[in-house]
Amino acid sequence: MNQVARALVRLSNTPDGKVVLNYLTQTITNRVLAPQASNQELWYLEGQRAFIATLHHLIQQGKQP
């Protein structure tokens, strides 16, 4: 897992990597569903949010010596 974390740090330090990570973070974490959203829609969005949280967590791990 350390190899993946270090690769994500390198990727997130590139201009393109920053653009992509910022785009994914903004579009997924700031998305709001309507009150009538189905359970499936809520689960799907939560899975996306968990994926973004995992990316950020791995990046922080990769920055550790």
PDB file of N, CA and C in Angstrom:
ATOM      1  N   MET A   1       0.824  -1.197   0.000  1.00  0.00           N
ATOM      2  CA  MET A   1       0.000   0.000   0.000  1.00  0.00           C
ATOM      3  C   MET A   1       0.861   1.251   0.000  1.00  0.00           C
ATOM      4  N   ASN A   2       2.036   1.172   0.604  1.00  0.00           N
ATOM      5  CA  ASN A   2       2.919   2.341   0.625  1.00  0.00           C
ATOM      6  C   ASN A   2       3.301   2.782  -0.775  1.00  0.00           C
ATOM      7  N   GLN A   3       3.469   1.829  -1.666  1.00  0.00           N
ATOM      8  CA  GLN A   3       3.827   2.162  -3.040  1.00  0.00           C
ATOM      9  C   GLN A   3       2.698   2.962  -3.702  1.00  0.00           C
ATOM     10  N   VAL A   4       1.474   2.579  -3.460  1.00  0.00           N
ATOM     11  CA  VAL A   4       0.324   3.298  -4.006  1.00  0.00           C
ATOM     12  C   VAL A   4       0.238   4.687  -3.385  1.00  0.00           C
ATOM     13  N   ALA A   5       0.425   4.778  -2.083  1.00  0.00           N
ATOM     14  CA  ALA A   5       0.359   6.066  -1.397  1.00  0.00           C
ATOM     15  C   ALA A   5       1.427   7.017  -1.934  1.00  0.00           C
ATOM     16  N   ARG A   6       2.638   6.520  -2.123  1.00  0.00           N
ATOM     17  CA  ARG A   6       3.714   7.378  -2.656  1.00  0.00           C
ATOM     18  C   ARG A   6       3.418   7.794  -4.088  1.00  0.00           C
ATOM     19  N   ALA A   7       2.847   6.895  -4.873  1.00  0.00           N
ATOM     20  CA  ALA A   7       2.486   7.234  -6.253  1.00  0.00           C
ATOM     21  C   ALA A   7       1.400   8.312  -6.278  1.00  0.00           C
ATOM     22  N   LEU A   8       0.446   8.226  -5.363  1.00  0.00           N
ATOM     23  CA  LEU A   8      -0.600   9.244  -5.288  1.00  0.00           C
ATOM     24  C   LEU A   8      -0.033  10.600  -4.869  1.00  0.00           C
ATOM     25  N   VAL A   9       0.950  10.601  -3.996  1.00  0.00           N
ATOM     26  CA  VAL A   9       1.596  11.864  -3.617  1.00  0.00           C
ATOM     27  C   VAL A   9       2.269  12.479  -4.837  1.00  0.00           C
ATOM     28  N   ARG A  10       3.007  11.671  -5.588  1.00  0.00           N
ATOM     29  CA  ARG A  10       3.672  12.199  -6.786  1.00  0.00           C
ATOM     30  C   ARG A  10       2.640  12.731  -7.777  1.00  0.00           C
ATOM     31  N   LEU A  11       1.580  11.978  -7.972  1.00  0.00           N
ATOM     32  CA  LEU A  11       0.530  12.399  -8.896  1.00  0.00           C
ATOM     33  C   LEU A  11      -0.125  13.692  -8.428  1.00  0.00           C
ATOM     34  N   SER A  12      -0.418  13.782  -7.137  1.00  0.00           N
ATOM     35  CA  SER A  12      -1.105  14.964  -6.615  1.00  0.00           C
ATOM     36  C   SER A  12      -0.215  16.197  -6.605  1.00  0.00           C
ATOM     37  N   ASN A  13       1.069  16.013  -6.797  1.00  0.00           N
ATOM     38  CA  ASN A  13       1.994  17.144  -6.848  1.00  0.00           C
ATOM     39  C   ASN A  13       2.187  17.683  -8.261  1.00  0.00           C
ATOM     40  N   THR A  14       1.607  17.040  -9.257  1.00  0.00           N
ATOM     41  CA  THR A  14       1.702  17.535 -10.627  1.00  0.00           C
ATOM     42  C   THR A  14       0.532  18.490 -10.883  1.00  0.00           C
ATOM     43  N   PRO A  15       0.707  19.423 -11.818  1.00  0.00           N
ATOM     44  CA  PRO A  15      -0.408  20.332 -12.127  1.00  0.00           C
ATOM     45  C   PRO A  15      -1.672  19.581 -12.556  1.00  0.00           C
ATOM     46  N   ASP A  16      -1.535  18.599 -13.425  1.00  0.00           N
ATOM     47  CA  ASP A  16      -2.703  17.837 -13.875  1.00  0.00           C
ATOM     48  C   ASP A  16      -3.317  17.039 -12.733  1.00  0.00           C
ATOM     49  N   GLY A  17      -2.482  16.447 -11.906  1.00  0.00           N
ATOM     50  CA  GLY A  17      -2.980  15.684 -10.770  1.00  0.00           C
ATOM     51  C   GLY A  17      -3.774  16.548  -9.812  1.00  0.00           C
ATOM     52  N   LYS A  18      -3.290  17.766  -9.577  1.00  0.00           N
ATOM     53  CA  LYS A  18      -4.013  18.696  -8.702  1.00  0.00           C
ATOM     54  C   LYS A  18      -5.368  19.049  -9.289  1.00  0.00           C
ATOM     55  N   VAL A  19      -5.406  19.292 -10.603  1.00  0.00           N
ATOM     56  CA  VAL A  19      -6.673  19.639 -11.266  1.00  0.00           C
ATOM     57  C   VAL A  19      -7.669  18.490 -11.131  1.00  0.00           C
ATOM     58  N   VAL A  20      -7.220  17.280 -11.403  1.00  0.00           N
ATOM     59  CA  VAL A  20      -8.116  16.117 -11.357  1.00  0.00           C
ATOM     60  C   VAL A  20      -8.591  15.857  -9.933  1.00  0.00           C
ATOM     61  N   LEU A  21      -7.676  15.862  -8.971  1.00  0.00           N
ATOM     62  CA  LEU A  21      -8.060  15.603  -7.586  1.00  0.00           C
ATOM     63  C   LEU A  21      -9.024  16.678  -7.085  1.00  0.00           C
ATOM     64  N   ASN A  22      -8.754  17.927  -7.411  1.00  0.00           N
ATOM     65  CA  ASN A  22      -9.638  19.006  -7.006  1.00  0.00           C
ATOM     66  C   ASN A  22     -11.019  18.847  -7.647  1.00  0.00           C
ATOM     67  N   TYR A  23     -11.052  18.516  -8.924  1.00  0.00           N
ATOM     68  CA  TYR A  23     -12.326  18.321  -9.624  1.00  0.00           C
ATOM     69  C   TYR A  23     -13.134  17.201  -8.972  1.00  0.00           C
ATOM     70  N   LEU A  24     -12.493  16.059  -8.754  1.00  0.00           N
ATOM     71  CA  LEU A  24     -13.198  14.927  -8.148  1.00  0.00           C
ATOM     72  C   LEU A  24     -13.693  15.280  -6.749  1.00  0.00           C
ATOM     73  N   THR A  25     -12.843  15.925  -5.972  1.00  0.00           N
ATOM     74  CA  THR A  25     -13.217  16.299  -4.609  1.00  0.00           C
ATOM     75  C   THR A  25     -14.404  17.254  -4.619  1.00  0.00           C
ATOM     76  N   GLN A  26     -14.335  18.284  -5.441  1.00  0.00           N
ATOM     77  CA  GLN A  26     -15.404  19.279  -5.474  1.00  0.00           C
ATOM     78  C   GLN A  26     -16.720  18.703  -6.001  1.00  0.00           C
ATOM     79  N   THR A  27     -16.659  17.958  -7.086  1.00  0.00           N
ATOM     80  CA  THR A  27     -17.904  17.470  -7.688  1.00  0.00           C
ATOM     81  C   THR A  27     -18.569  16.375  -6.863  1.00  0.00           C
ATOM     82  N   ILE A  28     -17.778  15.627  -6.137  1.00  0.00           N
ATOM     83  CA  ILE A  28     -18.353  14.520  -5.362  1.00  0.00           C
ATOM     84  C   ILE A  28     -18.723  14.968  -3.952  1.00  0.00           C
ATOM     85  N   THR A  29     -17.808  15.631  -3.258  1.00  0.00           N
ATOM     86  CA  THR A  29     -18.101  15.972  -1.856  1.00  0.00           C
ATOM     87  C   THR A  29     -19.097  17.106  -1.718  1.00  0.00           C
ATOM     88  N   ASN A  30     -19.244  17.933  -2.722  1.00  0.00           N
ATOM     89  CA  ASN A  30     -20.202  19.040  -2.643  1.00  0.00           C
ATOM     90  C   ASN A  30     -21.551  18.704  -3.271  1.00  0.00           C
ATOM     91  N   ARG A  31     -21.705  17.500  -3.738  1.00  0.00           N
ATOM     92  CA  ARG A  31     -22.971  17.094  -4.359  1.00  0.00           C
ATOM     93  C   ARG A  31     -24.025  16.881  -3.282  1.00  0.00           C
ATOM     94  N   VAL A  32     -25.195  17.412  -3.544  1.00  0.00           N
ATOM     95  CA  VAL A  32     -26.317  17.284  -2.611  1.00  0.00           C
ATOM     96  C   VAL A  32     -27.459  16.592  -3.344  1.00  0.00           C
ATOM     97  N   LEU A  33     -28.026  15.605  -2.697  1.00  0.00           N
ATOM     98  CA  LEU A  33     -29.166  14.899  -3.287  1.00  0.00           C
ATOM     99  C   LEU A  33     -30.470  15.488  -2.768  1.00  0.00           C
ATOM    100  N   ALA A  34     -31.503  15.359  -3.561  1.00  0.00           N
ATOM    101  CA  ALA A  34     -32.828  15.827  -3.175  1.00  0.00           C
ATOM    102  C   ALA A  34     -33.371  14.967  -2.031  1.00  0.00           C
ATOM    103  N   PRO A  35     -34.285  15.525  -1.247  1.00  0.00           N
ATOM    104  CA  PRO A  35     -34.856  14.755  -0.137  1.00  0.00           C
ATOM    105  C   PRO A  35     -35.520  13.445  -0.567  1.00  0.00           C
ATOM    106  N   GLN A  36     -35.999  13.387  -1.801  1.00  0.00           N
ATOM    107  CA  GLN A  36     -36.666  12.164  -2.270  1.00  0.00           C
ATOM    108  C   GLN A  36     -35.694  11.166  -2.904  1.00  0.00           C
ATOM    109  N   ALA A  37     -34.400  11.372  -2.736  1.00  0.00           N
ATOM    110  CA  ALA A  37     -33.403  10.451  -3.300  1.00  0.00           C
ATOM    111  C   ALA A  37     -33.618   9.048  -2.736  1.00  0.00           C
ATOM    112  N   SER A  38     -33.410   8.070  -3.595  1.00  0.00           N
ATOM    113  CA  SER A  38     -33.588   6.677  -3.164  1.00  0.00           C
ATOM    114  C   SER A  38     -32.401   6.225  -2.318  1.00  0.00           C
ATOM    115  N   ASN A  39     -32.597   5.127  -1.621  1.00  0.00           N
ATOM    116  CA  ASN A  39     -31.507   4.548  -0.839  1.00  0.00           C
ATOM    117  C   ASN A  39     -30.316   4.213  -1.739  1.00  0.00           C
ATOM    118  N   GLN A  40     -30.595   3.720  -2.930  1.00  0.00           N
ATOM    119  CA  GLN A  40     -29.523   3.362  -3.854  1.00  0.00           C
ATOM    120  C   GLN A  40     -28.698   4.593  -4.246  1.00  0.00           C
ATOM    121  N   GLU A  41     -29.370   5.707  -4.487  1.00  0.00           N
ATOM    122  CA  GLU A  41     -28.651   6.945  -4.821  1.00  0.00           C
ATOM    123  C   GLU A  41     -27.787   7.405  -3.649  1.00  0.00           C
ATOM    124  N   LEU A  42     -28.324   7.315  -2.455  1.00  0.00           N
ATOM    125  CA  LEU A  42     -27.565   7.691  -1.261  1.00  0.00           C
ATOM    126  C   LEU A  42     -26.352   6.787  -1.066  1.00  0.00           C
ATOM    127  N   TRP A  43     -26.531   5.488  -1.246  1.00  0.00           N
ATOM    128  CA  TRP A  43     -25.428   4.545  -1.105  1.00  0.00           C
ATOM    129  C   TRP A  43     -24.351   4.803  -2.150  1.00  0.00           C
ATOM    130  N   TYR A  44     -24.782   5.074  -3.374  1.00  0.00           N
ATOM    131  CA  TYR A  44     -23.842   5.337  -4.462  1.00  0.00           C
ATOM    132  C   TYR A  44     -23.003   6.576  -4.163  1.00  0.00           C
ATOM    133  N   LEU A  45     -23.662   7.648  -3.740  1.00  0.00           N
ATOM    134  CA  LEU A  45     -22.942   8.875  -3.421  1.00  0.00           C
ATOM    135  C   LEU A  45     -22.007   8.665  -2.240  1.00  0.00           C
ATOM    136  N   GLU A  46     -22.455   7.938  -1.244  1.00  0.00           N
ATOM    137  CA  GLU A  46     -21.591   7.681  -0.091  1.00  0.00           C
ATOM    138  C   GLU A  46     -20.374   6.856  -0.501  1.00  0.00           C
ATOM    139  N   GLY A  47     -20.545   5.927  -1.434  1.00  0.00           N
ATOM    140  CA  GLY A  47     -19.408   5.166  -1.949  1.00  0.00           C
ATOM    141  C   GLY A  47     -18.415   6.066  -2.656  1.00  0.00           C
ATOM    142  N   GLN A  48     -18.916   7.026  -3.427  1.00  0.00           N
ATOM    143  CA  GLN A  48     -18.030   7.977  -4.097  1.00  0.00           C
ATOM    144  C   GLN A  48     -17.276   8.825  -3.076  1.00  0.00           C
ATOM    145  N   ARG A  49     -17.974   9.278  -2.058  1.00  0.00           N
ATOM    146  CA  ARG A  49     -17.335  10.082  -1.012  1.00  0.00           C
ATOM    147  C   ARG A  49     -16.274   9.270  -0.271  1.00  0.00           C
ATOM    148  N   ALA A  50     -16.576   8.012  -0.030  1.00  0.00           N
ATOM    149  CA  ALA A  50     -15.600   7.148   0.638  1.00  0.00           C
ATOM    150  C   ALA A  50     -14.359   6.969  -0.234  1.00  0.00           C
ATOM    151  N   PHE A  51     -14.548   6.863  -1.534  1.00  0.00           N
ATOM    152  CA  PHE A  51     -13.418   6.738  -2.455  1.00  0.00           C
ATOM    153  C   PHE A  51     -12.534   7.981  -2.396  1.00  0.00           C
ATOM    154  N   ILE A  52     -13.130   9.163  -2.418  1.00  0.00           N
ATOM    155  CA  ILE A  52     -12.370  10.411  -2.340  1.00  0.00           C
ATOM    156  C   ILE A  52     -11.652  10.497  -0.998  1.00  0.00           C
ATOM    157  N   ALA A  53     -12.323  10.125   0.080  1.00  0.00           N
ATOM    158  CA  ALA A  53     -11.695  10.137   1.401  1.00  0.00           C
ATOM    159  C   ALA A  53     -10.506   9.180   1.435  1.00  0.00           C
ATOM    160  N   THR A  54     -10.632   8.032   0.786  1.00  0.00           N
ATOM    161  CA  THR A  54      -9.531   7.064   0.728  1.00  0.00           C
ATOM    162  C   THR A  54      -8.350   7.641  -0.034  1.00  0.00           C
ATOM    163  N   LEU A  55      -8.610   8.312  -1.156  1.00  0.00           N
ATOM    164  CA  LEU A  55      -7.527   8.948  -1.911  1.00  0.00           C
ATOM    165  C   LEU A  55      -6.780   9.961  -1.041  1.00  0.00           C
ATOM    166  N   HIS A  56      -7.523  10.824  -0.364  1.00  0.00           N
ATOM    167  CA  HIS A  56      -6.893  11.836   0.488  1.00  0.00           C
ATOM    168  C   HIS A  56      -6.123  11.192   1.640  1.00  0.00           C
ATOM    169  N   HIS A  57      -6.671  10.136   2.207  1.00  0.00           N
ATOM    170  CA  HIS A  57      -5.990   9.428   3.293  1.00  0.00           C
ATOM    171  C   HIS A  57      -4.681   8.805   2.795  1.00  0.00           C
ATOM    172  N   LEU A  58      -4.721   8.184   1.636  1.00  0.00           N
ATOM    173  CA  LEU A  58      -3.508   7.578   1.072  1.00  0.00           C
ATOM    174  C   LEU A  58      -2.456   8.645   0.751  1.00  0.00           C
ATOM    175  N   ILE A  59      -2.887   9.785   0.268  1.00  0.00           N
ATOM    176  CA  ILE A  59      -1.948  10.873  -0.010  1.00  0.00           C
ATOM    177  C   ILE A  59      -1.269  11.321   1.274  1.00  0.00           C
ATOM    178  N   GLN A  60      -2.046  11.443   2.352  1.00  0.00           N
ATOM    179  CA  GLN A  60      -1.452  11.831   3.636  1.00  0.00           C
ATOM    180  C   GLN A  60      -0.486  10.757   4.147  1.00  0.00           C
ATOM    181  N   GLN A  61      -0.863   9.500   3.969  1.00  0.00           N
ATOM    182  CA  GLN A  61       0.046   8.402   4.360  1.00  0.00           C
ATOM    183  C   GLN A  61       1.334   8.447   3.569  1.00  0.00           C
ATOM    184  N   GLY A  62       1.221   8.722   2.272  1.00  0.00           N
ATOM    185  CA  GLY A  62       2.390   8.751   1.400  1.00  0.00           C
ATOM    186  C   GLY A  62       3.336   9.884   1.723  1.00  0.00           C
ATOM    187  N   LYS A  63       2.857  10.911   2.389  1.00  0.00           N
ATOM    188  CA  LYS A  63       3.702  12.045   2.781  1.00  0.00           C
ATOM    189  C   LYS A  63       4.511  11.765   4.043  1.00  0.00           C
ATOM    190  N   GLN A  64       4.120  10.723   4.775  1.00  0.00           N
ATOM    191  CA  GLN A  64       4.830  10.343   5.992  1.00  0.00           C
ATOM    192  C   GLN A  64       6.160   9.681   5.637  1.00  0.00           C
ATOM    193  N   PRO A  65       7.193   9.977   6.403  1.00  0.00           N
ATOM    194  CA  PRO A  65       8.508   9.349   6.113  1.00  0.00           C
ATOM    195  C   PRO A  65       8.528   7.857   6.342  1.00  0.00           C
TER     196      PRO A  65
END
